Every structure is written in C-alpha cells, then in structure tokens.
C-alpha cells in the first residue's frame, strides 16, 4: 500500500467505555489513527487499547466506510503529517504514546488525548472533522 501524502488522520474520541474515561481530564478520552491509500482506494484504521492493536482496512466505498463512520461518529479528526522518526519511546505504551510514535511526534510532556489534540492544533494540524 502506498499513500500519496505523508499524513495521518488522527481520531479523537470524546468518550470511552473504559474506567479511566471518568477520571481523564479534558474533552478527549481516547485517540486512534486512520490513513487513506490511493493505489488500493482503501482506508486503514489503527486503534491501540489495553486489549491490543485493532487494525482494519476498508474499501473507500460507502458500504466499506460504514464501520469507520460508525466508529468515528462523535469524534474530532485532525490531519497531521508524519515527522522524521526521532521519537524515543518512554513510559507506558498508551493510545497517546502509540499515536505520537506513528507520527514521529516528540513531545514527551504530552500524555493525555486532550493534550495531544491541542498540541497538534498548535503545531499546525488541520481539522478534517469536528
């Protein structure tokens, strides 16, 4: 699969069914990734939680997008380019650490989904959906 851009769609969830959603400060409680591949006309969705990495690839058709649309219905989605891979992983491998690693986004003080959202906005992320 190839992609004509070096961008990820970063999906921010305002709620989660996990217990930490009740104590996690800020508007966003979870974060995941999506990417479009031109040559295969498919979307890839990546979501890391404590059950593991959930990955699925769907055709960019209306029926193929239905599971993704249901998943991201209430979410904010930002477009952000991948940076050079100078990121060193430290700490627990959370959804935020996973997304930062995939983006090559080296901001060690960003630990929560809401912090990541505002940090990406401040660094020029573009709104795809809000």
N, C-alpha and C. Protein backbone atom coordinates (compact mmCIF):
# COMPACT_ATOMS: atom_id res chain seq x y z
N UNK A 1 0.83 -1.18 0.00
CA UNK A 1 0.00 0.00 0.00
C UNK A 1 0.88 1.24 0.00
N UNK A 2 0.50 2.19 -0.77
CA UNK A 2 1.19 3.47 -0.75
C UNK A 2 0.19 4.58 -0.54
N UNK A 3 0.69 5.68 -0.13
CA UNK A 3 -0.14 6.83 0.18
C UNK A 3 0.45 8.01 -0.56
N UNK A 4 -0.38 8.83 -1.20
CA UNK A 4 0.15 9.96 -1.94
C UNK A 4 0.54 11.12 -1.03
N UNK A 5 0.20 11.05 0.24
CA UNK A 5 0.62 12.07 1.19
C UNK A 5 1.32 11.38 2.35
N UNK A 6 1.91 12.18 3.18
CA UNK A 6 2.59 11.66 4.37
C UNK A 6 1.78 12.00 5.61
N UNK A 7 0.45 12.04 5.45
CA UNK A 7 -0.44 12.48 6.53
C UNK A 7 -1.21 11.33 7.14
N UNK A 8 -1.48 11.46 8.42
CA UNK A 8 -2.40 10.59 9.13
C UNK A 8 -3.63 11.40 9.51
N UNK A 9 -4.76 10.74 9.58
CA UNK A 9 -5.96 11.33 10.19
C UNK A 9 -5.96 10.84 11.63
N UNK A 10 -5.87 11.78 12.56
CA UNK A 10 -5.81 11.46 13.99
C UNK A 10 -7.22 11.63 14.56
N UNK A 11 -7.76 10.54 15.09
CA UNK A 11 -9.16 10.50 15.53
C UNK A 11 -9.21 10.63 17.05
N UNK A 12 -9.89 11.67 17.53
CA UNK A 12 -10.00 11.94 18.96
C UNK A 12 -11.42 11.64 19.44
N UNK A 13 -11.53 10.73 20.40
CA UNK A 13 -12.81 10.29 20.93
C UNK A 13 -13.19 11.09 22.18
N UNK A 14 -14.40 11.64 22.24
CA UNK A 14 -14.82 12.39 23.43
C UNK A 14 -15.26 11.50 24.59
N UNK A 15 -15.38 10.19 24.34
CA UNK A 15 -15.78 9.28 25.42
C UNK A 15 -15.16 7.91 25.19
N UNK A 16 -15.11 7.15 26.24
CA UNK A 16 -14.63 5.77 26.18
C UNK A 16 -15.41 4.96 27.20
N UNK A 17 -15.49 3.66 26.97
CA UNK A 17 -16.18 2.79 27.93
C UNK A 17 -15.26 2.36 29.06
N UNK A 18 -14.00 2.71 28.98
CA UNK A 18 -13.02 2.31 29.99
C UNK A 18 -13.15 3.18 31.25
N UNK A 19 -12.72 2.65 32.37
CA UNK A 19 -12.84 3.35 33.64
C UNK A 19 -12.08 4.67 33.67
N UNK A 20 -10.95 4.73 32.97
CA UNK A 20 -10.15 5.96 33.03
C UNK A 20 -10.83 7.13 32.33
N UNK A 21 -11.84 6.85 31.51
CA UNK A 21 -12.58 7.93 30.86
C UNK A 21 -13.27 8.84 31.87
N UNK A 22 -13.63 8.28 33.02
CA UNK A 22 -14.29 9.09 34.06
C UNK A 22 -13.31 10.03 34.75
N UNK A 23 -12.03 9.65 34.81
CA UNK A 23 -11.06 10.48 35.54
C UNK A 23 -10.11 11.23 34.61
N UNK A 24 -10.12 10.92 33.33
CA UNK A 24 -9.22 11.56 32.36
C UNK A 24 -9.70 12.99 32.11
N UNK A 25 -8.89 13.99 32.43
CA UNK A 25 -9.33 15.37 32.24
C UNK A 25 -9.35 15.76 30.76
N UNK A 26 -10.14 16.76 30.47
CA UNK A 26 -10.20 17.28 29.12
C UNK A 26 -11.37 16.71 28.33
N UNK A 27 -11.55 17.25 27.14
CA UNK A 27 -12.66 16.86 26.27
C UNK A 27 -12.48 15.48 25.66
N UNK A 28 -11.24 15.11 25.33
CA UNK A 28 -10.99 13.86 24.61
C UNK A 28 -10.42 12.79 25.54
N UNK A 29 -10.91 11.55 25.37
CA UNK A 29 -10.55 10.46 26.27
C UNK A 29 -9.76 9.34 25.60
N UNK A 30 -9.69 9.34 24.26
CA UNK A 30 -9.01 8.27 23.53
C UNK A 30 -8.60 8.82 22.16
N UNK A 31 -7.58 8.20 21.56
CA UNK A 31 -7.10 8.65 20.25
C UNK A 31 -6.71 7.43 19.42
N UNK A 32 -6.95 7.52 18.11
CA UNK A 32 -6.62 6.44 17.17
C UNK A 32 -6.15 7.09 15.86
N UNK A 33 -5.82 6.26 14.87
CA UNK A 33 -5.29 6.75 13.59
C UNK A 33 -6.05 6.16 12.41
N UNK A 34 -6.11 6.93 11.33
CA UNK A 34 -6.63 6.46 10.05
C UNK A 34 -5.73 6.99 8.94
N UNK A 35 -5.67 6.24 7.84
CA UNK A 35 -4.88 6.69 6.69
C UNK A 35 -5.50 6.16 5.41
N UNK A 36 -5.50 7.00 4.38
CA UNK A 36 -6.04 6.62 3.07
C UNK A 36 -4.90 6.21 2.14
N UNK A 37 -5.11 5.12 1.42
CA UNK A 37 -4.13 4.63 0.45
C UNK A 37 -4.72 4.73 -0.95
N UNK A 38 -4.10 5.56 -1.78
CA UNK A 38 -4.62 5.89 -3.10
C UNK A 38 -4.61 4.68 -4.03
N UNK A 39 -3.50 3.95 -4.07
CA UNK A 39 -3.38 2.86 -5.05
C UNK A 39 -4.41 1.75 -4.85
N UNK A 40 -4.82 1.50 -3.62
CA UNK A 40 -5.82 0.46 -3.36
C UNK A 40 -7.20 1.04 -3.04
N UNK A 41 -7.29 2.36 -2.94
CA UNK A 41 -8.52 3.06 -2.59
C UNK A 41 -9.14 2.46 -1.33
N UNK A 42 -8.31 2.40 -0.30
CA UNK A 42 -8.75 1.84 0.98
C UNK A 42 -8.35 2.77 2.12
N UNK A 43 -9.06 2.61 3.23
CA UNK A 43 -8.72 3.27 4.48
C UNK A 43 -8.21 2.23 5.45
N UNK A 44 -7.16 2.58 6.19
CA UNK A 44 -6.66 1.73 7.26
C UNK A 44 -6.96 2.45 8.57
N UNK A 45 -7.47 1.72 9.53
CA UNK A 45 -7.81 2.26 10.84
C UNK A 45 -6.99 1.50 11.88
N UNK A 46 -6.28 2.23 12.75
CA UNK A 46 -5.45 1.64 13.80
C UNK A 46 -5.88 2.19 15.16
N UNK A 47 -6.13 1.28 16.09
CA UNK A 47 -6.59 1.68 17.41
C UNK A 47 -5.92 0.80 18.45
N UNK A 48 -5.13 1.40 19.33
CA UNK A 48 -4.46 0.67 20.39
C UNK A 48 -5.21 0.88 21.69
N UNK A 49 -5.57 -0.21 22.35
CA UNK A 49 -6.10 -0.14 23.70
C UNK A 49 -5.49 -1.28 24.51
N UNK A 50 -5.98 -1.48 25.72
CA UNK A 50 -5.36 -2.49 26.58
C UNK A 50 -5.66 -3.92 26.14
N UNK A 51 -6.53 -4.09 25.16
CA UNK A 51 -6.78 -5.41 24.59
C UNK A 51 -5.83 -5.70 23.45
N UNK A 52 -5.12 -4.69 22.97
CA UNK A 52 -4.17 -4.86 21.88
C UNK A 52 -4.40 -3.85 20.76
N UNK A 53 -3.76 -4.11 19.64
CA UNK A 53 -3.88 -3.23 18.48
C UNK A 53 -4.99 -3.74 17.58
N UNK A 54 -5.95 -2.89 17.32
CA UNK A 54 -7.05 -3.22 16.41
C UNK A 54 -6.75 -2.53 15.08
N UNK A 55 -6.70 -3.32 14.03
CA UNK A 55 -6.38 -2.79 12.71
C UNK A 55 -7.37 -3.34 11.71
N UNK A 56 -7.98 -2.47 10.93
CA UNK A 56 -8.78 -2.97 9.84
C UNK A 56 -8.63 -2.07 8.63
N UNK A 57 -8.78 -2.69 7.47
CA UNK A 57 -8.67 -1.99 6.19
C UNK A 57 -10.01 -2.13 5.50
N UNK A 58 -10.55 -1.01 5.03
CA UNK A 58 -11.86 -0.98 4.39
C UNK A 58 -11.77 -0.26 3.05
N UNK A 59 -12.54 -0.74 2.06
CA UNK A 59 -12.58 -0.03 0.78
C UNK A 59 -13.21 1.35 0.97
N UNK A 60 -12.78 2.30 0.17
CA UNK A 60 -13.29 3.67 0.26
C UNK A 60 -14.60 3.80 -0.51
N UNK A 61 -15.51 2.87 -0.25
CA UNK A 61 -16.86 2.93 -0.82
C UNK A 61 -17.81 3.26 0.32
N UNK A 62 -19.03 3.59 -0.03
CA UNK A 62 -20.00 3.94 1.00
C UNK A 62 -20.22 2.78 1.97
N UNK A 63 -20.39 1.57 1.46
CA UNK A 63 -20.61 0.43 2.35
C UNK A 63 -19.34 0.02 3.09
N UNK A 64 -18.18 0.21 2.47
CA UNK A 64 -16.92 -0.10 3.14
C UNK A 64 -16.61 0.88 4.26
N UNK A 65 -17.07 2.12 4.10
CA UNK A 65 -16.81 3.15 5.10
C UNK A 65 -17.79 3.12 6.26
N UNK A 66 -18.88 2.38 6.14
CA UNK A 66 -19.89 2.38 7.19
C UNK A 66 -19.34 2.02 8.57
N UNK A 67 -18.53 0.95 8.72
CA UNK A 67 -17.98 0.65 10.05
C UNK A 67 -17.09 1.78 10.59
N UNK A 68 -16.32 2.41 9.71
CA UNK A 68 -15.47 3.52 10.15
C UNK A 68 -16.33 4.71 10.54
N UNK A 69 -17.34 5.02 9.73
CA UNK A 69 -18.21 6.15 10.04
C UNK A 69 -18.91 5.97 11.39
N UNK A 70 -19.35 4.75 11.68
CA UNK A 70 -19.98 4.48 12.98
C UNK A 70 -18.98 4.65 14.11
N UNK A 71 -17.74 4.23 13.88
CA UNK A 71 -16.70 4.31 14.90
C UNK A 71 -16.33 5.76 15.22
N UNK A 72 -16.26 6.61 14.21
CA UNK A 72 -15.77 7.98 14.44
C UNK A 72 -16.90 9.01 14.44
N UNK A 73 -18.13 8.57 14.58
CA UNK A 73 -19.29 9.46 14.51
C UNK A 73 -19.21 10.72 15.34
N UNK A 74 -18.84 10.62 16.61
CA UNK A 74 -18.81 11.78 17.51
C UNK A 74 -17.41 12.36 17.70
N UNK A 75 -16.48 11.92 16.89
CA UNK A 75 -15.07 12.28 17.09
C UNK A 75 -14.66 13.55 16.37
N UNK A 76 -13.57 14.12 16.83
CA UNK A 76 -12.87 15.17 16.10
C UNK A 76 -11.73 14.48 15.35
N UNK A 77 -11.47 14.90 14.11
CA UNK A 77 -10.42 14.28 13.31
C UNK A 77 -9.50 15.38 12.79
N UNK A 78 -8.21 15.21 13.04
CA UNK A 78 -7.19 16.15 12.58
C UNK A 78 -6.29 15.48 11.55
N UNK A 79 -5.82 16.24 10.59
CA UNK A 79 -4.84 15.77 9.61
C UNK A 79 -3.48 16.29 10.04
N UNK A 80 -2.51 15.37 10.13
CA UNK A 80 -1.18 15.76 10.59
C UNK A 80 -0.13 14.95 9.85
N UNK A 81 0.93 15.60 9.36
CA UNK A 81 1.97 14.88 8.63
C UNK A 81 2.91 14.11 9.56
N UNK A 82 3.45 13.03 9.05
CA UNK A 82 4.45 12.26 9.79
C UNK A 82 5.75 13.05 9.79
N UNK A 83 6.36 13.13 10.95
CA UNK A 83 7.66 13.81 11.10
C UNK A 83 8.79 12.79 10.99
N UNK A 84 10.00 13.29 10.92
CA UNK A 84 11.17 12.40 10.92
C UNK A 84 11.14 11.55 12.20
N UNK A 85 11.53 10.33 12.12
CA UNK A 85 11.43 9.39 13.24
C UNK A 85 12.54 9.61 14.27
N UNK A 86 12.43 10.68 15.05
CA UNK A 86 13.40 10.95 16.10
C UNK A 86 12.77 10.75 17.47
N UNK A 87 11.65 10.05 17.50
CA UNK A 87 10.90 9.86 18.73
C UNK A 87 11.46 8.66 19.50
N UNK A 88 11.75 8.86 20.77
CA UNK A 88 12.19 7.77 21.64
C UNK A 88 11.07 7.46 22.60
N UNK A 89 10.62 6.22 22.59
CA UNK A 89 9.52 5.83 23.45
C UNK A 89 9.96 5.73 24.90
N UNK A 90 9.15 6.32 25.78
CA UNK A 90 9.37 6.22 27.23
C UNK A 90 8.02 6.07 27.90
N UNK A 91 7.94 5.25 28.92
CA UNK A 91 6.72 5.13 29.71
C UNK A 91 5.78 4.06 29.19
N UNK A 92 4.55 4.10 29.70
CA UNK A 92 3.52 3.14 29.32
C UNK A 92 3.12 3.35 27.86
N UNK A 93 2.89 2.26 27.16
CA UNK A 93 2.51 2.36 25.74
C UNK A 93 1.00 2.52 25.65
N UNK A 94 0.56 3.75 25.78
CA UNK A 94 -0.85 4.10 25.76
C UNK A 94 -1.26 4.49 24.34
N UNK A 95 -2.55 4.79 24.16
CA UNK A 95 -3.02 5.24 22.85
C UNK A 95 -2.30 6.52 22.42
N UNK A 96 -2.03 7.40 23.36
CA UNK A 96 -1.33 8.66 23.04
C UNK A 96 0.11 8.37 22.61
N UNK A 97 0.81 7.51 23.36
CA UNK A 97 2.19 7.17 23.00
C UNK A 97 2.24 6.48 21.63
N UNK A 98 1.27 5.62 21.36
CA UNK A 98 1.20 4.93 20.07
C UNK A 98 1.05 5.94 18.92
N UNK A 99 0.14 6.87 19.06
CA UNK A 99 -0.09 7.87 18.01
C UNK A 99 1.13 8.77 17.86
N UNK A 100 1.70 9.21 18.97
CA UNK A 100 2.90 10.05 18.89
C UNK A 100 4.03 9.31 18.17
N UNK A 101 4.19 8.03 18.47
CA UNK A 101 5.23 7.24 17.82
C UNK A 101 4.98 7.13 16.31
N UNK A 102 3.74 6.85 15.92
CA UNK A 102 3.41 6.73 14.50
C UNK A 102 3.62 8.04 13.75
N UNK A 103 3.35 9.16 14.42
CA UNK A 103 3.53 10.48 13.81
C UNK A 103 4.97 10.97 13.86
N UNK A 104 5.81 10.33 14.68
CA UNK A 104 7.16 10.84 14.90
C UNK A 104 7.11 12.14 15.68
N UNK A 105 6.14 12.25 16.57
CA UNK A 105 5.85 13.49 17.30
C UNK A 105 6.50 13.43 18.68
N UNK A 106 7.60 14.13 18.84
CA UNK A 106 8.41 14.03 20.05
C UNK A 106 8.10 15.16 21.03
N UNK A 107 7.01 15.00 21.74
CA UNK A 107 6.65 15.94 22.80
C UNK A 107 6.41 15.11 24.06
N UNK A 108 7.46 14.86 24.86
CA UNK A 108 7.34 13.94 25.99
C UNK A 108 6.35 14.38 27.06
N UNK A 109 6.04 15.66 27.16
CA UNK A 109 5.10 16.15 28.16
C UNK A 109 3.64 15.92 27.76
N UNK A 110 3.39 15.52 26.51
CA UNK A 110 2.04 15.24 26.06
C UNK A 110 1.70 13.79 26.43
N UNK A 111 0.78 13.63 27.39
CA UNK A 111 0.47 12.30 27.93
C UNK A 111 -0.99 11.89 27.75
N UNK A 112 -1.87 12.86 27.58
CA UNK A 112 -3.30 12.60 27.53
C UNK A 112 -3.86 12.95 26.15
N UNK A 113 -4.97 12.31 25.75
CA UNK A 113 -5.56 12.62 24.44
C UNK A 113 -5.85 14.10 24.24
N UNK A 114 -6.40 14.76 25.25
CA UNK A 114 -6.71 16.18 25.12
C UNK A 114 -5.45 17.02 24.93
N UNK A 115 -4.38 16.68 25.65
CA UNK A 115 -3.10 17.38 25.47
C UNK A 115 -2.58 17.19 24.06
N UNK A 116 -2.69 15.97 23.53
CA UNK A 116 -2.23 15.70 22.17
C UNK A 116 -3.04 16.50 21.16
N UNK A 117 -4.35 16.56 21.34
CA UNK A 117 -5.21 17.32 20.43
C UNK A 117 -4.74 18.77 20.35
N UNK A 118 -4.61 19.44 21.48
CA UNK A 118 -4.24 20.86 21.48
C UNK A 118 -2.79 21.07 21.04
N UNK A 119 -1.92 20.13 21.34
CA UNK A 119 -0.54 20.24 20.89
C UNK A 119 -0.45 20.14 19.37
N UNK A 120 -1.19 19.20 18.78
CA UNK A 120 -1.21 19.08 17.31
C UNK A 120 -1.82 20.32 16.66
N UNK A 121 -2.89 20.85 17.25
CA UNK A 121 -3.50 22.08 16.74
C UNK A 121 -2.47 23.21 16.75
N UNK A 122 -1.76 23.35 17.86
CA UNK A 122 -0.74 24.41 17.97
C UNK A 122 0.41 24.21 16.98
N UNK A 123 0.64 22.96 16.56
CA UNK A 123 1.71 22.67 15.60
C UNK A 123 1.20 22.57 14.16
N UNK A 124 -0.01 23.08 13.91
CA UNK A 124 -0.48 23.22 12.54
C UNK A 124 -1.38 22.12 12.00
N UNK A 125 -1.92 21.26 12.86
CA UNK A 125 -2.83 20.22 12.36
C UNK A 125 -4.07 20.87 11.75
N UNK A 126 -4.61 20.19 10.74
CA UNK A 126 -5.77 20.70 10.03
C UNK A 126 -7.00 19.88 10.43
N UNK A 127 -8.12 20.58 10.69
CA UNK A 127 -9.37 19.88 11.03
C UNK A 127 -9.95 19.22 9.80
N UNK A 128 -10.19 17.91 9.89
CA UNK A 128 -10.91 17.19 8.85
C UNK A 128 -12.37 17.03 9.24
N UNK A 129 -12.61 16.90 10.54
CA UNK A 129 -13.96 16.73 11.07
C UNK A 129 -13.93 17.18 12.52
N UNK A 130 -14.97 17.91 12.91
CA UNK A 130 -15.05 18.32 14.32
C UNK A 130 -16.44 18.14 14.86
